[in-house]
């Protein structure tokens, strides 16, 4: 059985967080302008500069 390398769990955790944020950002960018709700509110163009 392979041994775990130091920090491998941390790397996997951070990578999964980055992937989640990227998927969420891409989804928000694909929403039509008439979409409503709190998640759609995150996609407002005036907010986008603050998220990057």
PDB file of N, CA and C in Angstrom:
ATOM      1  N   UNK A   1       0.842  -1.178   0.000  1.00  0.00           N
ATOM      2  CA  UNK A   1       0.000   0.000   0.000  1.00  0.00           C
ATOM      3  C   UNK A   1       0.890   1.245   0.000  1.00  0.00           C
ATOM      4  N   UNK A   2       0.541   2.244  -0.788  1.00  0.00           N
ATOM      5  CA  UNK A   2       1.338   3.467  -0.898  1.00  0.00           C
ATOM      6  C   UNK A   2       1.219   4.303   0.382  1.00  0.00           C
ATOM      7  N   UNK A   3       2.316   4.949   0.725  1.00  0.00           N
ATOM      8  CA  UNK A   3       2.319   5.818   1.894  1.00  0.00           C
ATOM      9  C   UNK A   3       1.816   7.202   1.499  1.00  0.00           C
ATOM     10  N   UNK A   4       1.154   7.868   2.443  1.00  0.00           N
ATOM     11  CA  UNK A   4       0.711   9.241   2.214  1.00  0.00           C
ATOM     12  C   UNK A   4       1.906  10.176   2.296  1.00  0.00           C
ATOM     13  N   UNK A   5       1.921  11.139   1.411  1.00  0.00           N
ATOM     14  CA  UNK A   5       2.980  12.143   1.436  1.00  0.00           C
ATOM     15  C   UNK A   5       2.553  13.303   2.319  1.00  0.00           C
ATOM     16  N   UNK A   6       3.511  13.951   2.935  1.00  0.00           N
ATOM     17  CA  UNK A   6       3.229  15.080   3.820  1.00  0.00           C
ATOM     18  C   UNK A   6       2.493  16.177   3.067  1.00  0.00           C
ATOM     19  N   UNK A   7       1.377  16.630   3.599  1.00  0.00           N
ATOM     20  CA  UNK A   7       0.618  17.713   3.009  1.00  0.00           C
ATOM     21  C   UNK A   7      -0.352  17.300   1.921  1.00  0.00           C
ATOM     22  N   UNK A   8      -0.415  16.007   1.597  1.00  0.00           N
ATOM     23  CA  UNK A   8      -1.281  15.580   0.494  1.00  0.00           C
ATOM     24  C   UNK A   8      -2.756  15.835   0.783  1.00  0.00           C
ATOM     25  N   UNK A   9      -3.180  15.649   2.018  1.00  0.00           N
ATOM     26  CA  UNK A   9      -4.578  15.917   2.360  1.00  0.00           C
ATOM     27  C   UNK A   9      -4.903  17.400   2.203  1.00  0.00           C
ATOM     28  N   UNK A  10      -3.991  18.257   2.599  1.00  0.00           N
ATOM     29  CA  UNK A  10      -4.190  19.698   2.472  1.00  0.00           C
ATOM     30  C   UNK A  10      -4.303  20.096   1.010  1.00  0.00           C
ATOM     31  N   UNK A  11      -3.443  19.538   0.185  1.00  0.00           N
ATOM     32  CA  UNK A  11      -3.475  19.850  -1.246  1.00  0.00           C
ATOM     33  C   UNK A  11      -4.799  19.412  -1.862  1.00  0.00           C
ATOM     34  N   UNK A  12      -5.256  18.231  -1.530  1.00  0.00           N
ATOM     35  CA  UNK A  12      -6.523  17.728  -2.065  1.00  0.00           C
ATOM     36  C   UNK A  12      -7.679  18.599  -1.593  1.00  0.00           C
ATOM     37  N   UNK A  13      -7.667  19.007  -0.342  1.00  0.00           N
ATOM     38  CA  UNK A  13      -8.727  19.858   0.200  1.00  0.00           C
ATOM     39  C   UNK A  13      -8.765  21.204  -0.519  1.00  0.00           C
ATOM     40  N   UNK A  14      -7.625  21.846  -0.653  1.00  0.00           N
ATOM     41  CA  UNK A  14      -7.572  23.158  -1.312  1.00  0.00           C
ATOM     42  C   UNK A  14      -7.936  23.049  -2.784  1.00  0.00           C
ATOM     43  N   UNK A  15      -7.502  21.994  -3.445  1.00  0.00           N
ATOM     44  CA  UNK A  15      -7.829  21.801  -4.851  1.00  0.00           C
ATOM     45  C   UNK A  15      -9.328  21.623  -5.035  1.00  0.00           C
ATOM     46  N   UNK A  16      -9.962  20.872  -4.154  1.00  0.00           N
ATOM     47  CA  UNK A  16     -11.411  20.686  -4.256  1.00  0.00           C
ATOM     48  C   UNK A  16     -12.144  22.007  -4.007  1.00  0.00           C
ATOM     49  N   UNK A  17     -11.643  22.837  -3.100  1.00  0.00           N
ATOM     50  CA  UNK A  17     -12.245  24.152  -2.864  1.00  0.00           C
ATOM     51  C   UNK A  17     -12.126  25.031  -4.100  1.00  0.00           C
ATOM     52  N   UNK A  18     -10.963  25.033  -4.726  1.00  0.00           N
ATOM     53  CA  UNK A  18     -10.757  25.830  -5.938  1.00  0.00           C
ATOM     54  C   UNK A  18     -11.657  25.360  -7.070  1.00  0.00           C
ATOM     55  N   UNK A  19     -11.807  24.061  -7.204  1.00  0.00           N
ATOM     56  CA  UNK A  19     -12.670  23.522  -8.251  1.00  0.00           C
ATOM     57  C   UNK A  19     -14.122  23.919  -8.013  1.00  0.00           C
ATOM     58  N   UNK A  20     -14.567  23.865  -6.764  1.00  0.00           N
ATOM     59  CA  UNK A  20     -15.932  24.251  -6.437  1.00  0.00           C
ATOM     60  C   UNK A  20     -16.173  25.717  -6.777  1.00  0.00           C
ATOM     61  N   UNK A  21     -15.255  26.581  -6.394  1.00  0.00           N
ATOM     62  CA  UNK A  21     -15.399  28.015  -6.670  1.00  0.00           C
ATOM     63  C   UNK A  21     -15.421  28.271  -8.173  1.00  0.00           C
ATOM     64  N   UNK A  22     -14.582  27.583  -8.924  1.00  0.00           N
ATOM     65  CA  UNK A  22     -14.544  27.761 -10.373  1.00  0.00           C
ATOM     66  C   UNK A  22     -15.850  27.308 -11.020  1.00  0.00           C
ATOM     67  N   UNK A  23     -16.375  26.166 -10.599  1.00  0.00           N
ATOM     68  CA  UNK A  23     -17.650  25.674 -11.140  1.00  0.00           C
ATOM     69  C   UNK A  23     -18.776  26.639 -10.797  1.00  0.00           C
ATOM     70  N   UNK A  24     -18.814  27.127  -9.574  1.00  0.00           N
ATOM     71  CA  UNK A  24     -19.842  28.069  -9.157  1.00  0.00           C
ATOM     72  C   UNK A  24     -19.748  29.363  -9.961  1.00  0.00           C
ATOM     73  N   UNK A  25     -18.542  29.879 -10.141  1.00  0.00           N
ATOM     74  CA  UNK A  25     -18.354  31.107 -10.908  1.00  0.00           C
ATOM     75  C   UNK A  25     -18.811  30.934 -12.352  1.00  0.00           C
ATOM     76  N   UNK A  26     -18.458  29.808 -12.962  1.00  0.00           N
ATOM     77  CA  UNK A  26     -18.887  29.547 -14.341  1.00  0.00           C
ATOM     78  C   UNK A  26     -20.403  29.435 -14.440  1.00  0.00           C
ATOM     79  N   UNK A  27     -21.023  28.808 -13.450  1.00  0.00           N
ATOM     80  CA  UNK A  27     -22.483  28.694 -13.434  1.00  0.00           C
ATOM     81  C   UNK A  27     -23.123  30.074 -13.327  1.00  0.00           C
ATOM     82  N   UNK A  28     -22.623  30.892 -12.424  1.00  0.00           N
ATOM     83  CA  UNK A  28     -23.175  32.230 -12.249  1.00  0.00           C
ATOM     84  C   UNK A  28     -23.040  33.060 -13.523  1.00  0.00           C
ATOM     85  N   UNK A  29     -21.935  32.922 -14.218  1.00  0.00           N
ATOM     86  CA  UNK A  29     -21.720  33.658 -15.460  1.00  0.00           C
ATOM     87  C   UNK A  29     -22.668  33.195 -16.564  1.00  0.00           C
ATOM     88  N   UNK A  30     -23.174  31.973 -16.460  1.00  0.00           N
ATOM     89  CA  UNK A  30     -24.056  31.454 -17.499  1.00  0.00           C
ATOM     90  C   UNK A  30     -25.535  31.762 -17.244  1.00  0.00           C
ATOM     91  N   UNK A  31     -25.870  32.307 -16.079  1.00  0.00           N
ATOM     92  CA  UNK A  31     -27.269  32.599 -15.757  1.00  0.00           C
ATOM     93  C   UNK A  31     -27.797  33.740 -16.626  1.00  0.00           C
ATOM     94  N   UNK A  32     -29.024  33.600 -17.117  1.00  0.00           N
ATOM     95  CA  UNK A  32     -29.622  34.703 -17.858  1.00  0.00           C
ATOM     96  C   UNK A  32     -29.906  35.880 -16.923  1.00  0.00           C
ATOM     97  N   UNK A  33     -29.929  37.097 -17.452  1.00  0.00           N
ATOM     98  CA  UNK A  33     -30.116  38.293 -16.603  1.00  0.00           C
ATOM     99  C   UNK A  33     -31.413  38.297 -15.800  1.00  0.00           C
ATOM    100  N   UNK A  34     -32.458  37.644 -16.274  1.00  0.00           N
ATOM    101  CA  UNK A  34     -33.753  37.679 -15.585  1.00  0.00           C
ATOM    102  C   UNK A  34     -33.846  36.676 -14.435  1.00  0.00           C
ATOM    103  N   UNK A  35     -32.812  35.901 -14.187  1.00  0.00           N
ATOM    104  CA  UNK A  35     -32.821  34.922 -13.101  1.00  0.00           C
ATOM    105  C   UNK A  35     -32.894  35.643 -11.760  1.00  0.00           C
ATOM    106  N   UNK A  36     -33.700  35.111 -10.838  1.00  0.00           N
ATOM    107  CA  UNK A  36     -33.849  35.716  -9.515  1.00  0.00           C
ATOM    108  C   UNK A  36     -33.375  34.751  -8.438  1.00  0.00           C
ATOM    109  N   UNK A  37     -33.257  35.268  -7.230  1.00  0.00           N
ATOM    110  CA  UNK A  37     -32.846  34.454  -6.089  1.00  0.00           C
ATOM    111  C   UNK A  37     -31.503  34.916  -5.547  1.00  0.00           C
ATOM    112  N   UNK A  38     -31.154  34.404  -4.387  1.00  0.00           N
ATOM    113  CA  UNK A  38     -29.919  34.857  -3.741  1.00  0.00           C
ATOM    114  C   UNK A  38     -28.683  34.439  -4.520  1.00  0.00           C
ATOM    115  N   UNK A  39     -28.726  33.259  -5.139  1.00  0.00           N
ATOM    116  CA  UNK A  39     -27.570  32.816  -5.907  1.00  0.00           C
ATOM    117  C   UNK A  39     -27.401  33.679  -7.149  1.00  0.00           C
ATOM    118  N   UNK A  40     -28.499  34.014  -7.790  1.00  0.00           N
ATOM    119  CA  UNK A  40     -28.439  34.904  -8.948  1.00  0.00           C
ATOM    120  C   UNK A  40     -27.942  36.288  -8.535  1.00  0.00           C
ATOM    121  N   UNK A  41     -28.250  36.686  -7.314  1.00  0.00           N
ATOM    122  CA  UNK A  41     -27.764  37.974  -6.812  1.00  0.00           C
ATOM    123  C   UNK A  41     -26.255  38.034  -6.749  1.00  0.00           C
ATOM    124  N   UNK A  42     -25.627  36.905  -6.569  1.00  0.00           N
ATOM    125  CA  UNK A  42     -24.155  36.848  -6.557  1.00  0.00           C
ATOM    126  C   UNK A  42     -23.570  37.110  -7.940  1.00  0.00           C
ATOM    127  N   UNK A  43     -24.400  36.964  -8.969  1.00  0.00           N
ATOM    128  CA  UNK A  43     -23.930  37.122 -10.340  1.00  0.00           C
ATOM    129  C   UNK A  43     -24.052  38.555 -10.841  1.00  0.00           C
ATOM    130  N   UNK A  44     -24.561  39.459 -10.013  1.00  0.00           N
ATOM    131  CA  UNK A  44     -24.714  40.852 -10.434  1.00  0.00           C
ATOM    132  C   UNK A  44     -23.350  41.393 -10.837  1.00  0.00           C
ATOM    133  N   UNK A  45     -23.303  42.024 -11.985  1.00  0.00           N
ATOM    134  CA  UNK A  45     -22.032  42.481 -12.552  1.00  0.00           C
ATOM    135  C   UNK A  45     -21.269  43.424 -11.620  1.00  0.00           C
ATOM    136  N   UNK A  46     -21.947  44.237 -10.847  1.00  0.00           N
ATOM    137  CA  UNK A  46     -21.243  45.162  -9.956  1.00  0.00           C
ATOM    138  C   UNK A  46     -20.502  44.426  -8.844  1.00  0.00           C
ATOM    139  N   UNK A  47     -20.929  43.207  -8.533  1.00  0.00           N
ATOM    140  CA  UNK A  47     -20.272  42.418  -7.496  1.00  0.00           C
ATOM    141  C   UNK A  47     -19.069  41.678  -8.038  1.00  0.00           C
ATOM    142  N   UNK A  48     -19.067  41.376  -9.318  1.00  0.00           N
ATOM    143  CA  UNK A  48     -18.053  40.491  -9.885  1.00  0.00           C
ATOM    144  C   UNK A  48     -16.639  40.951  -9.632  1.00  0.00           C
ATOM    145  N   UNK A  49     -16.395  42.255  -9.637  1.00  0.00           N
ATOM    146  CA  UNK A  49     -15.047  42.751  -9.383  1.00  0.00           C
ATOM    147  C   UNK A  49     -14.560  42.433  -7.977  1.00  0.00           C
ATOM    148  N   UNK A  50     -15.482  42.272  -7.052  1.00  0.00           N
ATOM    149  CA  UNK A  50     -15.117  41.998  -5.659  1.00  0.00           C
ATOM    150  C   UNK A  50     -14.785  40.521  -5.429  1.00  0.00           C
ATOM    151  N   UNK A  51     -15.247  39.650  -6.313  1.00  0.00           N
ATOM    152  CA  UNK A  51     -15.054  38.215  -6.129  1.00  0.00           C
ATOM    153  C   UNK A  51     -13.730  37.730  -6.677  1.00  0.00           C
ATOM    154  N   UNK A  52     -13.052  38.525  -7.464  1.00  0.00           N
ATOM    155  CA  UNK A  52     -11.823  38.044  -8.115  1.00  0.00           C
ATOM    156  C   UNK A  52     -10.594  38.475  -7.408  1.00  0.00           C
TER     157      UNK A  52
END
